[in-house]
């Protein structure tokens, strides 16, 4: 667990972190009926804790988070397991550095995945992705077969972020707070890129500034601050029903 996760999550269990992540993502534009899912991997690497199907991101509680063995047979999974759980297990099998996986269909990133447009470093948000975005150009269908999940994981490679063409996004990060920041920042970066394109010719940040901005803005301590602020925002707006610390 990174310093960001320790500071941000405190004593929260992984099931609580996953539930909070779902609530934050819903608040930040990832709500899509009951679709989209978040998982976190146990410290021993053997078990993932994943949002169940049938509930919207905005209503997930710790009780809606299922344990499942990373090397388990998903054909034996409980009926409320998401069909696309292979996106999580296949990444975990290939990436020991990854402890959280997010899949969703945010509007701007999903629209971007359905174009031939190039990602540009137009804003500080874009600079988070200094190592680039991976893309999966395989089937535009649901990813439910282990072979397809394996292809997605191979397409991701050693990066944190992947566009599934005509489908959505996948984020694979070191812990839950970092994964949420990456997912939220990707959507904001592509929203701003879309807006910029309507206003005039885009003007990217000069290459020589990218490393400096990235080092200053994307640090563990700041990720902890962002996580805490998101949870305060959820509490202020009454979006924490059923979560730890809330009455009823």
C-alpha atoms as a PDB file:
ATOM      1  CA  UNK A   1       0.000   0.000   0.000  1.00  0.00           C
ATOM      2  CA  UNK A   2       1.436   3.397  -0.953  1.00  0.00           C
ATOM      3  CA  UNK A   3       1.645   6.400   1.323  1.00  0.00           C
ATOM      4  CA  UNK A   4      -1.339   7.843  -0.518  1.00  0.00           C
ATOM      5  CA  UNK A   5      -3.487   4.837   0.248  1.00  0.00           C
ATOM      6  CA  UNK A   6      -2.414   4.695   3.873  1.00  0.00           C
ATOM      7  CA  UNK A   7      -3.084   8.366   4.498  1.00  0.00           C
ATOM      8  CA  UNK A   8      -6.276   8.594   2.470  1.00  0.00           C
ATOM      9  CA  UNK A   9      -7.981   5.413   3.511  1.00  0.00           C
ATOM     10  CA  UNK A  10      -6.874   5.313   7.145  1.00  0.00           C
ATOM     11  CA  UNK A  11      -8.272   2.141   8.678  1.00  0.00           C
ATOM     12  CA  UNK A  12     -10.793   1.551   5.887  1.00  0.00           C
ATOM     13  CA  UNK A  13     -10.979  -2.036   4.682  1.00  0.00           C
ATOM     14  CA  UNK A  14     -10.537  -2.794   0.999  1.00  0.00           C
ATOM     15  CA  UNK A  15     -14.281  -3.320   0.677  1.00  0.00           C
ATOM     16  CA  UNK A  16     -14.841   0.164   2.085  1.00  0.00           C
ATOM     17  CA  UNK A  17     -12.220   1.663  -0.234  1.00  0.00           C
ATOM     18  CA  UNK A  18     -13.891   0.042  -3.241  1.00  0.00           C
ATOM     19  CA  UNK A  19     -17.286   1.371  -2.150  1.00  0.00           C
ATOM     20  CA  UNK A  20     -15.911   4.882  -1.673  1.00  0.00           C
ATOM     21  CA  UNK A  21     -14.207   4.670  -5.062  1.00  0.00           C
ATOM     22  CA  UNK A  22     -17.509   3.787  -6.721  1.00  0.00           C
ATOM     23  CA  UNK A  23     -19.266   6.737  -5.039  1.00  0.00           C
ATOM     24  CA  UNK A  24     -16.507   9.141  -6.091  1.00  0.00           C
ATOM     25  CA  UNK A  25     -16.529   7.914  -9.684  1.00  0.00           C
ATOM     26  CA  UNK A  26     -20.302   8.351  -9.861  1.00  0.00           C
ATOM     27  CA  UNK A  27     -19.946  11.919  -8.601  1.00  0.00           C
ATOM     28  CA  UNK A  28     -17.228  12.559 -11.205  1.00  0.00           C
ATOM     29  CA  UNK A  29     -19.178  11.448 -14.283  1.00  0.00           C
ATOM     30  CA  UNK A  30     -18.813   7.642 -14.376  1.00  0.00           C
ATOM     31  CA  UNK A  31     -22.439   6.806 -13.526  1.00  0.00           C
ATOM     32  CA  UNK A  32     -23.916   4.552 -16.240  1.00  0.00           C
ATOM     33  CA  UNK A  33     -27.013   2.664 -15.093  1.00  0.00           C
ATOM     34  CA  UNK A  34     -25.639  -0.270 -13.056  1.00  0.00           C
ATOM     35  CA  UNK A  35     -22.561  -0.629 -15.260  1.00  0.00           C
ATOM     36  CA  UNK A  36     -18.915  -0.035 -14.433  1.00  0.00           C
ATOM     37  CA  UNK A  37     -16.879  -1.735 -11.740  1.00  0.00           C
ATOM     38  CA  UNK A  38     -13.982  -1.253  -9.359  1.00  0.00           C
ATOM     39  CA  UNK A  39     -11.811  -3.882  -7.693  1.00  0.00           C
ATOM     40  CA  UNK A  40      -8.939  -3.861  -5.214  1.00  0.00           C
ATOM     41  CA  UNK A  41      -6.434  -6.650  -4.637  1.00  0.00           C
ATOM     42  CA  UNK A  42      -5.534  -7.959  -1.190  1.00  0.00           C
ATOM     43  CA  UNK A  43      -2.043  -7.346   0.141  1.00  0.00           C
ATOM     44  CA  UNK A  44      -1.079 -10.985  -0.372  1.00  0.00           C
ATOM     45  CA  UNK A  45      -2.154 -10.702  -4.020  1.00  0.00           C
ATOM     46  CA  UNK A  46      -4.514 -13.665  -3.920  1.00  0.00           C
ATOM     47  CA  UNK A  47      -7.962 -12.091  -3.572  1.00  0.00           C
ATOM     48  CA  UNK A  48      -9.738  -9.257  -5.312  1.00  0.00           C
ATOM     49  CA  UNK A  49     -12.669  -7.353  -3.863  1.00  0.00           C
ATOM     50  CA  UNK A  50     -14.985  -6.220  -6.642  1.00  0.00           C
ATOM     51  CA  UNK A  51     -18.255  -4.307  -6.910  1.00  0.00           C
ATOM     52  CA  UNK A  52     -21.164  -6.632  -7.610  1.00  0.00           C
ATOM     53  CA  UNK A  53     -23.467  -6.198 -10.578  1.00  0.00           C
ATOM     54  CA  UNK A  54     -27.010  -4.903 -10.179  1.00  0.00           C
ATOM     55  CA  UNK A  55     -26.167  -1.712  -8.267  1.00  0.00           C
ATOM     56  CA  UNK A  56     -25.206   1.699  -9.598  1.00  0.00           C
ATOM     57  CA  UNK A  57     -21.837   3.157  -8.723  1.00  0.00           C
ATOM     58  CA  UNK A  58     -23.611   5.848  -6.710  1.00  0.00           C
ATOM     59  CA  UNK A  59     -25.236   3.329  -4.348  1.00  0.00           C
ATOM     60  CA  UNK A  60     -22.445   0.831  -3.704  1.00  0.00           C
ATOM     61  CA  UNK A  61     -21.839  -0.005  -0.036  1.00  0.00           C
ATOM     62  CA  UNK A  62     -19.177  -2.295   1.444  1.00  0.00           C
ATOM     63  CA  UNK A  63     -21.807  -5.053   1.492  1.00  0.00           C
ATOM     64  CA  UNK A  64     -21.954  -4.793  -2.329  1.00  0.00           C
ATOM     65  CA  UNK A  65     -18.282  -5.744  -2.701  1.00  0.00           C
ATOM     66  CA  UNK A  66     -17.516  -9.409  -3.420  1.00  0.00           C
ATOM     67  CA  UNK A  67     -14.325 -11.338  -2.632  1.00  0.00           C
ATOM     68  CA  UNK A  68     -13.005 -13.605  -5.361  1.00  0.00           C
ATOM     69  CA  UNK A  69      -9.704 -15.386  -5.863  1.00  0.00           C
ATOM     70  CA  UNK A  70      -7.608 -13.829  -8.615  1.00  0.00           C
ATOM     71  CA  UNK A  71      -6.729 -17.289  -9.960  1.00  0.00           C
ATOM     72  CA  UNK A  72     -10.265 -18.601  -9.473  1.00  0.00           C
ATOM     73  CA  UNK A  73     -12.555 -19.966 -12.175  1.00  0.00           C
ATOM     74  CA  UNK A  74     -15.019 -17.210 -13.020  1.00  0.00           C
ATOM     75  CA  UNK A  75     -17.453 -19.781 -14.408  1.00  0.00           C
ATOM     76  CA  UNK A  76     -18.051 -20.726 -10.764  1.00  0.00           C
ATOM     77  CA  UNK A  77     -18.448 -17.125  -9.579  1.00  0.00           C
ATOM     78  CA  UNK A  78     -21.640 -16.079  -7.783  1.00  0.00           C
ATOM     79  CA  UNK A  79     -24.482 -14.859 -10.016  1.00  0.00           C
ATOM     80  CA  UNK A  80     -23.962 -11.245  -8.990  1.00  0.00           C
ATOM     81  CA  UNK A  81     -20.404 -11.152 -10.363  1.00  0.00           C
ATOM     82  CA  UNK A  82     -19.956  -8.676 -13.241  1.00  0.00           C
ATOM     83  CA  UNK A  83     -19.708 -10.357 -16.634  1.00  0.00           C
ATOM     84  CA  UNK A  84     -16.509  -8.449 -17.398  1.00  0.00           C
ATOM     85  CA  UNK A  85     -14.643  -9.508 -14.249  1.00  0.00           C
ATOM     86  CA  UNK A  86     -11.970 -10.976 -16.548  1.00  0.00           C
ATOM     87  CA  UNK A  87     -10.796  -7.419 -17.125  1.00  0.00           C
ATOM     88  CA  UNK A  88      -9.697  -7.412 -13.503  1.00  0.00           C
ATOM     89  CA  UNK A  89      -8.365 -10.946 -13.050  1.00  0.00           C
ATOM     90  CA  UNK A  90      -6.332 -10.945 -16.258  1.00  0.00           C
ATOM     91  CA  UNK A  91      -4.650  -7.636 -15.391  1.00  0.00           C
ATOM     92  CA  UNK A  92      -3.855  -8.813 -11.863  1.00  0.00           C
ATOM     93  CA  UNK A  93      -2.329 -12.028 -13.196  1.00  0.00           C
ATOM     94  CA  UNK A  94       0.066 -10.071 -15.405  1.00  0.00           C
ATOM     95  CA  UNK A  95       0.768  -7.011 -13.262  1.00  0.00           C
ATOM     96  CA  UNK A  96       1.994  -7.662  -9.706  1.00  0.00           C
ATOM     97  CA  UNK A  97       2.402  -3.881  -9.307  1.00  0.00           C
ATOM     98  CA  UNK A  98      -1.351  -3.281  -9.734  1.00  0.00           C
ATOM     99  CA  UNK A  99      -3.644  -3.261  -6.708  1.00  0.00           C
ATOM    100  CA  UNK A 100      -6.745  -1.582  -8.163  1.00  0.00           C
ATOM    101  CA  UNK A 101      -8.567  -1.901 -11.489  1.00  0.00           C
ATOM    102  CA  UNK A 102     -11.390   0.336 -12.721  1.00  0.00           C
ATOM    103  CA  UNK A 103     -13.560  -0.156 -15.798  1.00  0.00           C
ATOM    104  CA  UNK A 104     -16.171   2.377 -16.836  1.00  0.00           C
ATOM    105  CA  UNK A 105     -17.863   4.290 -19.626  1.00  0.00           C
ATOM    106  CA  UNK A 106     -17.370   8.021 -18.890  1.00  0.00           C
ATOM    107  CA  UNK A 107     -18.809  10.155 -21.724  1.00  0.00           C
ATOM    108  CA  UNK A 108     -15.777  12.036 -23.010  1.00  0.00           C
ATOM    109  CA  UNK A 109     -13.268   9.209 -22.741  1.00  0.00           C
ATOM    110  CA  UNK A 110     -15.715   6.755 -24.284  1.00  0.00           C
ATOM    111  CA  UNK A 111     -16.451   9.141 -27.154  1.00  0.00           C
ATOM    112  CA  UNK A 112     -12.709   9.700 -27.621  1.00  0.00           C
ATOM    113  CA  UNK A 113     -12.176   5.931 -27.804  1.00  0.00           C
ATOM    114  CA  UNK A 114     -14.499   5.888 -30.820  1.00  0.00           C
ATOM    115  CA  UNK A 115     -12.379   8.331 -32.860  1.00  0.00           C
ATOM    116  CA  UNK A 116      -8.993   8.458 -34.563  1.00  0.00           C
ATOM    117  CA  UNK A 117      -8.056  11.550 -32.534  1.00  0.00           C
ATOM    118  CA  UNK A 118      -4.669  11.780 -30.847  1.00  0.00           C
ATOM    119  CA  UNK A 119      -4.312  12.549 -27.149  1.00  0.00           C
ATOM    120  CA  UNK A 120      -2.661  15.934 -26.553  1.00  0.00           C
ATOM    121  CA  UNK A 121      -0.958  17.414 -23.506  1.00  0.00           C
ATOM    122  CA  UNK A 122      -3.126  20.509 -23.387  1.00  0.00           C
ATOM    123  CA  UNK A 123      -3.632  20.852 -19.631  1.00  0.00           C
ATOM    124  CA  UNK A 124      -2.165  19.774 -16.303  1.00  0.00           C
ATOM    125  CA  UNK A 125      -4.740  16.974 -16.321  1.00  0.00           C
ATOM    126  CA  UNK A 126      -3.295  15.600 -19.532  1.00  0.00           C
ATOM    127  CA  UNK A 127       0.207  15.638 -18.063  1.00  0.00           C
ATOM    128  CA  UNK A 128      -0.725  12.796 -15.701  1.00  0.00           C
ATOM    129  CA  UNK A 129      -0.584  10.555 -18.788  1.00  0.00           C
ATOM    130  CA  UNK A 130       2.961  11.502 -19.700  1.00  0.00           C
ATOM    131  CA  UNK A 131       3.716   7.845 -20.473  1.00  0.00           C
ATOM    132  CA  UNK A 132       0.840   7.703 -22.956  1.00  0.00           C
ATOM    133  CA  UNK A 133      -2.456   5.851 -23.233  1.00  0.00           C
ATOM    134  CA  UNK A 134      -2.708   2.262 -24.388  1.00  0.00           C
ATOM    135  CA  UNK A 135      -5.502   1.170 -26.720  1.00  0.00           C
ATOM    136  CA  UNK A 136      -7.338  -2.089 -27.247  1.00  0.00           C
ATOM    137  CA  UNK A 137      -8.457  -2.461 -30.854  1.00  0.00           C
ATOM    138  CA  UNK A 138      -9.999  -5.918 -30.476  1.00  0.00           C
ATOM    139  CA  UNK A 139     -13.643  -6.811 -30.133  1.00  0.00           C
ATOM    140  CA  UNK A 140     -15.964  -3.852 -29.329  1.00  0.00           C
ATOM    141  CA  UNK A 141     -18.225  -6.280 -27.457  1.00  0.00           C
ATOM    142  CA  UNK A 142     -18.382  -6.970 -23.734  1.00  0.00           C
ATOM    143  CA  UNK A 143     -15.116  -8.524 -22.538  1.00  0.00           C
ATOM    144  CA  UNK A 144     -16.326 -11.740 -20.921  1.00  0.00           C
ATOM    145  CA  UNK A 145     -13.952 -14.430 -22.212  1.00  0.00           C
ATOM    146  CA  UNK A 146     -10.613 -14.988 -20.463  1.00  0.00           C
ATOM    147  CA  UNK A 147      -8.874 -14.883 -23.850  1.00  0.00           C
ATOM    148  CA  UNK A 148     -10.302 -11.422 -24.584  1.00  0.00           C
ATOM    149  CA  UNK A 149      -9.479 -10.277 -21.058  1.00  0.00           C
ATOM    150  CA  UNK A 150      -5.932 -11.487 -21.617  1.00  0.00           C
ATOM    151  CA  UNK A 151      -5.709  -9.499 -24.857  1.00  0.00           C
ATOM    152  CA  UNK A 152      -6.865  -6.377 -23.031  1.00  0.00           C
ATOM    153  CA  UNK A 153      -4.247  -6.910 -20.314  1.00  0.00           C
ATOM    154  CA  UNK A 154      -1.558  -7.413 -22.965  1.00  0.00           C
ATOM    155  CA  UNK A 155      -2.686  -4.238 -24.745  1.00  0.00           C
ATOM    156  CA  UNK A 156      -2.433  -2.313 -21.463  1.00  0.00           C
ATOM    157  CA  UNK A 157       1.178  -3.415 -21.107  1.00  0.00           C
ATOM    158  CA  UNK A 158       3.027  -1.581 -18.348  1.00  0.00           C
ATOM    159  CA  UNK A 159       0.892   1.552 -18.517  1.00  0.00           C
ATOM    160  CA  UNK A 160      -1.863   2.621 -16.147  1.00  0.00           C
ATOM    161  CA  UNK A 161      -4.581   3.583 -18.618  1.00  0.00           C
ATOM    162  CA  UNK A 162      -6.197   1.948 -21.625  1.00  0.00           C
ATOM    163  CA  UNK A 163      -8.924   2.969 -24.064  1.00  0.00           C
ATOM    164  CA  UNK A 164     -11.177   0.127 -25.184  1.00  0.00           C
ATOM    165  CA  UNK A 165     -12.189   1.202 -28.672  1.00  0.00           C
ATOM    166  CA  UNK A 166     -15.900   2.077 -28.963  1.00  0.00           C
ATOM    167  CA  UNK A 167     -16.424   0.831 -25.414  1.00  0.00           C
ATOM    168  CA  UNK A 168     -14.832   2.694 -22.508  1.00  0.00           C
ATOM    169  CA  UNK A 169     -11.716   2.800 -20.348  1.00  0.00           C
ATOM    170  CA  UNK A 170      -9.648   0.651 -18.027  1.00  0.00           C
ATOM    171  CA  UNK A 171      -7.341   1.946 -15.289  1.00  0.00           C
ATOM    172  CA  UNK A 172      -4.805  -0.219 -13.448  1.00  0.00           C
ATOM    173  CA  UNK A 173      -2.999   1.506 -10.592  1.00  0.00           C
ATOM    174  CA  UNK A 174      -0.883   0.975  -7.467  1.00  0.00           C
ATOM    175  CA  UNK A 175      -3.818   1.485  -5.074  1.00  0.00           C
ATOM    176  CA  UNK A 176      -7.404   2.693  -4.895  1.00  0.00           C
ATOM    177  CA  UNK A 177      -6.849   6.455  -4.426  1.00  0.00           C
ATOM    178  CA  UNK A 178      -4.388   6.578  -7.320  1.00  0.00           C
ATOM    179  CA  UNK A 179      -6.741   4.593  -9.567  1.00  0.00           C
ATOM    180  CA  UNK A 180      -9.623   6.947  -8.826  1.00  0.00           C
ATOM    181  CA  UNK A 181      -7.455  10.000  -9.476  1.00  0.00           C
ATOM    182  CA  UNK A 182      -6.286   8.521 -12.774  1.00  0.00           C
ATOM    183  CA  UNK A 183      -9.819   7.673 -13.910  1.00  0.00           C
ATOM    184  CA  UNK A 184     -11.227  11.067 -12.932  1.00  0.00           C
ATOM    185  CA  UNK A 185      -8.308  12.982 -14.428  1.00  0.00           C
ATOM    186  CA  UNK A 186      -8.542  11.101 -17.728  1.00  0.00           C
ATOM    187  CA  UNK A 187     -12.164  12.118 -18.168  1.00  0.00           C
ATOM    188  CA  UNK A 188     -11.404  15.743 -17.277  1.00  0.00           C
ATOM    189  CA  UNK A 189      -8.406  15.858 -19.636  1.00  0.00           C
ATOM    190  CA  UNK A 190     -10.481  14.594 -22.552  1.00  0.00           C
ATOM    191  CA  UNK A 191     -13.378  16.901 -21.708  1.00  0.00           C
ATOM    192  CA  UNK A 192     -10.998  19.875 -21.804  1.00  0.00           C
ATOM    193  CA  UNK A 193      -9.424  18.607 -25.026  1.00  0.00           C
ATOM    194  CA  UNK A 194     -12.901  18.416 -26.554  1.00  0.00           C
ATOM    195  CA  UNK A 195     -13.713  21.958 -25.437  1.00  0.00           C
ATOM    196  CA  UNK A 196     -10.366  23.302 -26.652  1.00  0.00           C
ATOM    197  CA  UNK A 197     -10.984  21.843 -30.087  1.00  0.00           C
ATOM    198  CA  UNK A 198     -14.193  23.847 -30.422  1.00  0.00           C
ATOM    199  CA  UNK A 199     -12.491  27.126 -29.500  1.00  0.00           C
ATOM    200  CA  UNK A 200      -9.551  27.128 -31.858  1.00  0.00           C
ATOM    201  CA  UNK A 201      -6.414  25.282 -32.842  1.00  0.00           C
ATOM    202  CA  UNK A 202      -5.154  23.319 -29.794  1.00  0.00           C
ATOM    203  CA  UNK A 203      -1.888  24.578 -28.270  1.00  0.00           C
ATOM    204  CA  UNK A 204      -0.112  21.745 -26.414  1.00  0.00           C
ATOM    205  CA  UNK A 205       2.178  22.307 -23.435  1.00  0.00           C
ATOM    206  CA  UNK A 206       5.795  22.390 -24.690  1.00  0.00           C
ATOM    207  CA  UNK A 207       7.535  19.051 -24.170  1.00  0.00           C
ATOM    208  CA  UNK A 208      10.223  20.488 -21.914  1.00  0.00           C
ATOM    209  CA  UNK A 209       7.600  21.340 -19.251  1.00  0.00           C
ATOM    210  CA  UNK A 210       5.883  17.979 -19.033  1.00  0.00           C
ATOM    211  CA  UNK A 211       8.217  16.188 -16.596  1.00  0.00           C
ATOM    212  CA  UNK A 212       8.397  19.213 -14.293  1.00  0.00           C
ATOM    213  CA  UNK A 213       4.613  19.634 -14.092  1.00  0.00           C
ATOM    214  CA  UNK A 214       4.102  15.905 -13.590  1.00  0.00           C
ATOM    215  CA  UNK A 215       6.598  15.733 -10.721  1.00  0.00           C
ATOM    216  CA  UNK A 216       5.049  18.694  -8.917  1.00  0.00           C
ATOM    217  CA  UNK A 217       1.399  17.839  -9.325  1.00  0.00           C
ATOM    218  CA  UNK A 218       1.178  14.049  -9.084  1.00  0.00           C
ATOM    219  CA  UNK A 219       2.580  13.069  -5.687  1.00  0.00           C
ATOM    220  CA  UNK A 220       1.338  10.590  -3.072  1.00  0.00           C
ATOM    221  CA  UNK A 221       0.612  13.316  -0.530  1.00  0.00           C
ATOM    222  CA  UNK A 222      -1.576  15.249  -2.921  1.00  0.00           C
ATOM    223  CA  UNK A 223      -3.490  12.110  -3.872  1.00  0.00           C
ATOM    224  CA  UNK A 224      -4.311  11.643  -0.195  1.00  0.00           C
ATOM    225  CA  UNK A 225      -5.631  15.213  -0.044  1.00  0.00           C
ATOM    226  CA  UNK A 226      -7.789  14.681  -3.128  1.00  0.00           C
ATOM    227  CA  UNK A 227      -9.267  11.452  -1.708  1.00  0.00           C
ATOM    228  CA  UNK A 228     -10.190  13.141   1.571  1.00  0.00           C
ATOM    229  CA  UNK A 229     -11.738  16.086  -0.290  1.00  0.00           C
ATOM    230  CA  UNK A 230     -13.850  13.773  -2.440  1.00  0.00           C
ATOM    231  CA  UNK A 231     -15.253  12.045   0.630  1.00  0.00           C
ATOM    232  CA  UNK A 232     -16.003  15.386   2.293  1.00  0.00           C
ATOM    233  CA  UNK A 233     -17.823  16.416  -0.883  1.00  0.00           C
ATOM    234  CA  UNK A 234     -19.901  13.249  -0.881  1.00  0.00           C
ATOM    235  CA  UNK A 235     -20.838  13.782   2.761  1.00  0.00           C
ATOM    236  CA  UNK A 236     -21.759  17.454   2.241  1.00  0.00           C
ATOM    237  CA  UNK A 237     -24.076  16.594  -0.638  1.00  0.00           C
ATOM    238  CA  UNK A 238     -25.781  13.681   1.091  1.00  0.00           C
ATOM    239  CA  UNK A 239     -24.341  10.988  -1.180  1.00  0.00           C
ATOM    240  CA  UNK A 240     -23.027   8.711   1.565  1.00  0.00           C
ATOM    241  CA  UNK A 241     -26.157   6.777   2.596  1.00  0.00           C
ATOM    242  CA  UNK A 242     -25.236   3.296   3.740  1.00  0.00           C
ATOM    243  CA  UNK A 243     -21.555   4.119   4.070  1.00  0.00           C
ATOM    244  CA  UNK A 244     -19.468   3.824   7.257  1.00  0.00           C
ATOM    245  CA  UNK A 245     -19.989   6.756   9.591  1.00  0.00           C
ATOM    246  CA  UNK A 246     -23.475   7.562   8.299  1.00  0.00           C
ATOM    247  CA  UNK A 247     -26.682   7.088  10.318  1.00  0.00           C
ATOM    248  CA  UNK A 248     -29.099   4.461   9.053  1.00  0.00           C
END
